[in-house]
Each structure stands twice: as structure tokens, then as C-alpha cells.
Amino acid sequence: MAKKSNLLRRSAMKDVLYGGIISLMDNTEYYYRSSVGPAYNHWTESGLEALQSYLDMMSPKIAEVEANELDRRAKDLVLKELKES
């Protein structure tokens, strides 16, 4: 069950990151969408700053999810070794 819980948490973090980036891209102050096509879309100066701020804010949370996943895998390995002994 712990494995599924961590996967859901990791998956939820991906959803949060994607949602945050899409929210920034939906703001014309941050992201320019060209009518010509996606190749001409680009971040504005303030958009790049907002994106950097968002990533700075989310990075500790991502690191926490990854540390929890590493801890879970380590515990699973130890338990597996103990059961096989």
C-alpha cells in the first residue's frame, strides 16, 4: 500500500507542476501564443521570471517527494533481504 501511496503522491506532484505551468501559459502577460503556430510561441520576460519563481517554490516539494520515494525503496529492500534470510 505504501508503494501505491508514494506513486499517487508522485503522480499528484506531476499534475500540480503541469497545471501550474499551463496556468502561467494561459496568461498573456507571461506567455505569447502566436496565431501562426506553436513554433512561434514564447515566454515573455515576466513569464520567465514567473516560471523561475514557480520552479523555485516547487523544487523543495519535489525533493521531498523524491526523498520519500527513495526512503520507501530502501525500506522495501531491507525488508526483502530480511525475509529471505
N, C-alpha and C. Protein backbone atom coordinates (compact mmCIF):
# COMPACT_ATOMS: atom_id res chain seq x y z
N MET A 1 0.83 -1.20 0.00
CA MET A 1 0.00 0.00 0.00
C MET A 1 0.86 1.26 0.00
N ALA A 2 1.99 1.21 0.73
CA ALA A 2 2.88 2.37 0.77
C ALA A 2 3.39 2.72 -0.62
N LYS A 3 3.65 1.67 -1.42
CA LYS A 3 4.14 1.91 -2.77
C LYS A 3 3.11 2.69 -3.58
N LYS A 4 1.85 2.27 -3.50
CA LYS A 4 0.80 2.96 -4.25
C LYS A 4 0.64 4.39 -3.77
N SER A 5 0.73 4.59 -2.45
CA SER A 5 0.60 5.93 -1.88
C SER A 5 1.68 6.85 -2.41
N ASN A 6 2.93 6.38 -2.47
CA ASN A 6 4.02 7.20 -2.98
C ASN A 6 3.86 7.48 -4.46
N LEU A 7 3.37 6.48 -5.21
CA LEU A 7 3.17 6.70 -6.64
C LEU A 7 2.08 7.74 -6.86
N LEU A 8 1.03 7.67 -6.07
CA LEU A 8 -0.02 8.67 -6.19
C LEU A 8 0.52 10.05 -5.86
N ARG A 9 1.36 10.12 -4.85
CA ARG A 9 1.91 11.41 -4.47
C ARG A 9 2.80 11.96 -5.58
N ARG A 10 3.61 11.08 -6.16
CA ARG A 10 4.48 11.50 -7.26
C ARG A 10 3.63 11.92 -8.45
N SER A 11 2.61 11.16 -8.74
CA SER A 11 1.71 11.48 -9.84
C SER A 11 0.99 12.81 -9.57
N ALA A 12 0.56 13.00 -8.34
CA ALA A 12 -0.11 14.26 -7.98
C ALA A 12 0.83 15.44 -8.16
N MET A 13 2.10 15.25 -7.80
CA MET A 13 3.09 16.33 -7.95
C MET A 13 3.25 16.67 -9.43
N LYS A 14 3.27 15.66 -10.29
CA LYS A 14 3.37 15.91 -11.73
C LYS A 14 2.17 16.71 -12.21
N ASP A 15 0.99 16.34 -11.72
CA ASP A 15 -0.22 17.06 -12.10
C ASP A 15 -0.17 18.52 -11.65
N VAL A 16 0.33 18.74 -10.44
CA VAL A 16 0.43 20.11 -9.91
C VAL A 16 1.40 20.93 -10.76
N LEU A 17 2.55 20.34 -11.08
CA LEU A 17 3.54 21.04 -11.90
C LEU A 17 2.96 21.38 -13.28
N TYR A 18 2.35 20.40 -13.91
CA TYR A 18 1.76 20.62 -15.23
C TYR A 18 0.68 21.70 -15.16
N GLY A 19 -0.18 21.59 -14.17
CA GLY A 19 -1.25 22.58 -14.01
C GLY A 19 -0.73 23.98 -13.78
N GLY A 20 0.33 24.10 -12.98
CA GLY A 20 0.93 25.41 -12.73
C GLY A 20 1.53 26.02 -13.97
N ILE A 21 2.22 25.20 -14.74
CA ILE A 21 2.84 25.70 -15.97
C ILE A 21 1.77 26.10 -16.99
N ILE A 22 0.73 25.29 -17.11
CA ILE A 22 -0.37 25.63 -18.02
C ILE A 22 -1.04 26.94 -17.59
N SER A 23 -1.21 27.11 -16.28
CA SER A 23 -1.81 28.36 -15.78
C SER A 23 -0.96 29.56 -16.17
N LEU A 24 0.34 29.43 -16.05
CA LEU A 24 1.23 30.52 -16.46
C LEU A 24 1.12 30.76 -17.97
N MET A 25 1.07 29.68 -18.73
CA MET A 25 1.00 29.81 -20.19
C MET A 25 -0.33 30.43 -20.65
N ASP A 26 -1.38 30.26 -19.86
CA ASP A 26 -2.68 30.83 -20.22
C ASP A 26 -2.74 32.33 -19.99
N ASN A 27 -1.75 32.87 -19.29
CA ASN A 27 -1.70 34.31 -19.00
C ASN A 27 -0.88 34.99 -20.10
N THR A 28 -1.51 35.87 -20.86
CA THR A 28 -0.81 36.52 -21.97
C THR A 28 0.31 37.44 -21.53
N GLU A 29 0.30 37.83 -20.26
CA GLU A 29 1.41 38.63 -19.73
C GLU A 29 2.68 37.79 -19.62
N TYR A 30 2.50 36.48 -19.48
CA TYR A 30 3.63 35.57 -19.27
C TYR A 30 4.02 34.76 -20.51
N TYR A 31 3.05 34.49 -21.36
CA TYR A 31 3.32 33.60 -22.50
C TYR A 31 2.61 34.11 -23.73
N TYR A 32 3.36 34.24 -24.81
CA TYR A 32 2.81 34.70 -26.08
C TYR A 32 2.48 33.49 -26.93
N ARG A 33 1.22 33.40 -27.35
CA ARG A 33 0.78 32.34 -28.26
C ARG A 33 0.55 32.96 -29.63
N SER A 34 1.31 32.49 -30.58
CA SER A 34 1.23 33.02 -31.94
C SER A 34 0.08 32.37 -32.71
N SER A 35 -0.58 33.17 -33.53
CA SER A 35 -1.63 32.63 -34.39
C SER A 35 -1.03 31.85 -35.56
N VAL A 36 0.28 32.05 -35.79
CA VAL A 36 0.96 31.35 -36.88
C VAL A 36 1.16 29.87 -36.53
N GLY A 37 1.49 29.59 -35.28
CA GLY A 37 1.70 28.21 -34.85
C GLY A 37 2.56 28.12 -33.61
N PRO A 38 2.59 26.96 -32.98
CA PRO A 38 3.34 26.77 -31.74
C PRO A 38 4.84 27.08 -31.84
N ALA A 39 5.40 26.95 -33.02
CA ALA A 39 6.83 27.23 -33.19
C ALA A 39 7.16 28.69 -32.87
N TYR A 40 6.15 29.56 -32.92
CA TYR A 40 6.37 30.98 -32.69
C TYR A 40 5.92 31.44 -31.30
N ASN A 41 5.41 30.50 -30.50
CA ASN A 41 5.05 30.83 -29.12
C ASN A 41 6.33 31.06 -28.32
N HIS A 42 6.24 31.90 -27.28
CA HIS A 42 7.42 32.09 -26.44
C HIS A 42 7.03 32.72 -25.10
N TRP A 43 7.91 32.52 -24.12
CA TRP A 43 7.73 33.14 -22.80
C TRP A 43 8.15 34.60 -22.89
N THR A 44 7.42 35.45 -22.18
CA THR A 44 7.81 36.86 -22.09
C THR A 44 8.85 36.98 -20.96
N GLU A 45 9.44 38.15 -20.83
CA GLU A 45 10.41 38.38 -19.74
C GLU A 45 9.77 38.10 -18.38
N SER A 46 8.57 38.68 -18.17
CA SER A 46 7.90 38.47 -16.88
C SER A 46 7.45 37.02 -16.75
N GLY A 47 7.17 36.36 -17.85
CA GLY A 47 6.80 34.95 -17.83
C GLY A 47 7.96 34.07 -17.40
N LEU A 48 9.14 34.38 -17.90
CA LEU A 48 10.33 33.62 -17.50
C LEU A 48 10.60 33.80 -16.01
N GLU A 49 10.39 35.02 -15.51
CA GLU A 49 10.57 35.27 -14.08
C GLU A 49 9.52 34.52 -13.26
N ALA A 50 8.28 34.52 -13.73
CA ALA A 50 7.21 33.81 -13.02
C ALA A 50 7.46 32.30 -13.03
N LEU A 51 7.90 31.78 -14.16
CA LEU A 51 8.21 30.36 -14.28
C LEU A 51 9.35 29.98 -13.33
N GLN A 52 10.38 30.81 -13.29
CA GLN A 52 11.50 30.55 -12.38
C GLN A 52 11.05 30.58 -10.92
N SER A 53 10.21 31.54 -10.58
CA SER A 53 9.68 31.63 -9.21
C SER A 53 8.86 30.39 -8.87
N TYR A 54 8.05 29.96 -9.82
CA TYR A 54 7.22 28.77 -9.60
C TYR A 54 8.09 27.54 -9.38
N LEU A 55 9.11 27.37 -10.21
CA LEU A 55 10.01 26.23 -10.05
C LEU A 55 10.79 26.31 -8.74
N ASP A 56 11.22 27.51 -8.37
CA ASP A 56 11.91 27.68 -7.08
C ASP A 56 11.00 27.29 -5.91
N MET A 57 9.72 27.66 -6.02
CA MET A 57 8.76 27.35 -4.97
C MET A 57 8.47 25.85 -4.91
N MET A 58 8.38 25.20 -6.06
CA MET A 58 8.00 23.79 -6.10
C MET A 58 9.17 22.83 -5.88
N SER A 59 10.40 23.28 -6.12
CA SER A 59 11.56 22.39 -6.01
C SER A 59 11.70 21.70 -4.66
N PRO A 60 11.53 22.40 -3.54
CA PRO A 60 11.62 21.69 -2.25
C PRO A 60 10.54 20.61 -2.10
N LYS A 61 9.36 20.86 -2.63
CA LYS A 61 8.29 19.88 -2.55
C LYS A 61 8.61 18.65 -3.41
N ILE A 62 9.18 18.89 -4.57
CA ILE A 62 9.59 17.79 -5.45
C ILE A 62 10.69 16.98 -4.77
N ALA A 63 11.65 17.66 -4.17
CA ALA A 63 12.73 16.97 -3.48
C ALA A 63 12.19 16.12 -2.33
N GLU A 64 11.16 16.62 -1.64
CA GLU A 64 10.55 15.86 -0.55
C GLU A 64 9.90 14.58 -1.07
N VAL A 65 9.16 14.69 -2.17
CA VAL A 65 8.52 13.51 -2.76
C VAL A 65 9.58 12.50 -3.19
N GLU A 66 10.65 12.97 -3.81
CA GLU A 66 11.71 12.06 -4.25
C GLU A 66 12.43 11.41 -3.06
N ALA A 67 12.67 12.17 -2.00
CA ALA A 67 13.31 11.61 -0.80
C ALA A 67 12.42 10.54 -0.17
N ASN A 68 11.12 10.78 -0.14
CA ASN A 68 10.19 9.80 0.40
C ASN A 68 10.19 8.53 -0.44
N GLU A 69 10.26 8.69 -1.75
CA GLU A 69 10.30 7.54 -2.64
C GLU A 69 11.59 6.74 -2.44
N LEU A 70 12.70 7.41 -2.31
CA LEU A 70 13.98 6.74 -2.06
C LEU A 70 13.95 6.00 -0.73
N ASP A 71 13.41 6.63 0.29
CA ASP A 71 13.29 6.01 1.60
C ASP A 71 12.42 4.76 1.53
N ARG A 72 11.32 4.85 0.81
CA ARG A 72 10.43 3.70 0.66
C ARG A 72 11.12 2.54 -0.03
N ARG A 73 11.87 2.85 -1.10
CA ARG A 73 12.58 1.78 -1.82
C ARG A 73 13.64 1.15 -0.95
N ALA A 74 14.36 1.95 -0.16
CA ALA A 74 15.38 1.42 0.73
C ALA A 74 14.75 0.50 1.78
N LYS A 75 13.64 0.91 2.35
CA LYS A 75 12.96 0.08 3.35
C LYS A 75 12.46 -1.21 2.73
N ASP A 76 11.93 -1.13 1.52
CA ASP A 76 11.47 -2.33 0.83
C ASP A 76 12.61 -3.31 0.60
N LEU A 77 13.78 -2.81 0.22
CA LEU A 77 14.93 -3.67 0.00
C LEU A 77 15.38 -4.35 1.29
N VAL A 78 15.41 -3.60 2.37
CA VAL A 78 15.82 -4.15 3.66
C VAL A 78 14.83 -5.24 4.10
N LEU A 79 13.55 -4.96 3.98
CA LEU A 79 12.54 -5.95 4.35
C LEU A 79 12.63 -7.20 3.49
N LYS A 80 12.89 -7.00 2.20
CA LYS A 80 13.03 -8.15 1.31
C LYS A 80 14.22 -9.01 1.72
N GLU A 81 15.34 -8.36 2.04
CA GLU A 81 16.53 -9.10 2.46
C GLU A 81 16.28 -9.83 3.78
N LEU A 82 15.58 -9.20 4.70
CA LEU A 82 15.29 -9.84 5.99
C LEU A 82 14.37 -11.05 5.81
N LYS A 83 13.42 -10.95 4.91
CA LYS A 83 12.51 -12.08 4.66
C LYS A 83 13.23 -13.24 4.03
N GLU A 84 14.22 -12.95 3.19
CA GLU A 84 14.97 -14.01 2.50
C GLU A 84 16.00 -14.65 3.40
N SER A 85 16.34 -14.01 4.50
CA SER A 85 17.35 -14.57 5.41
C SER A 85 16.80 -15.68 6.26
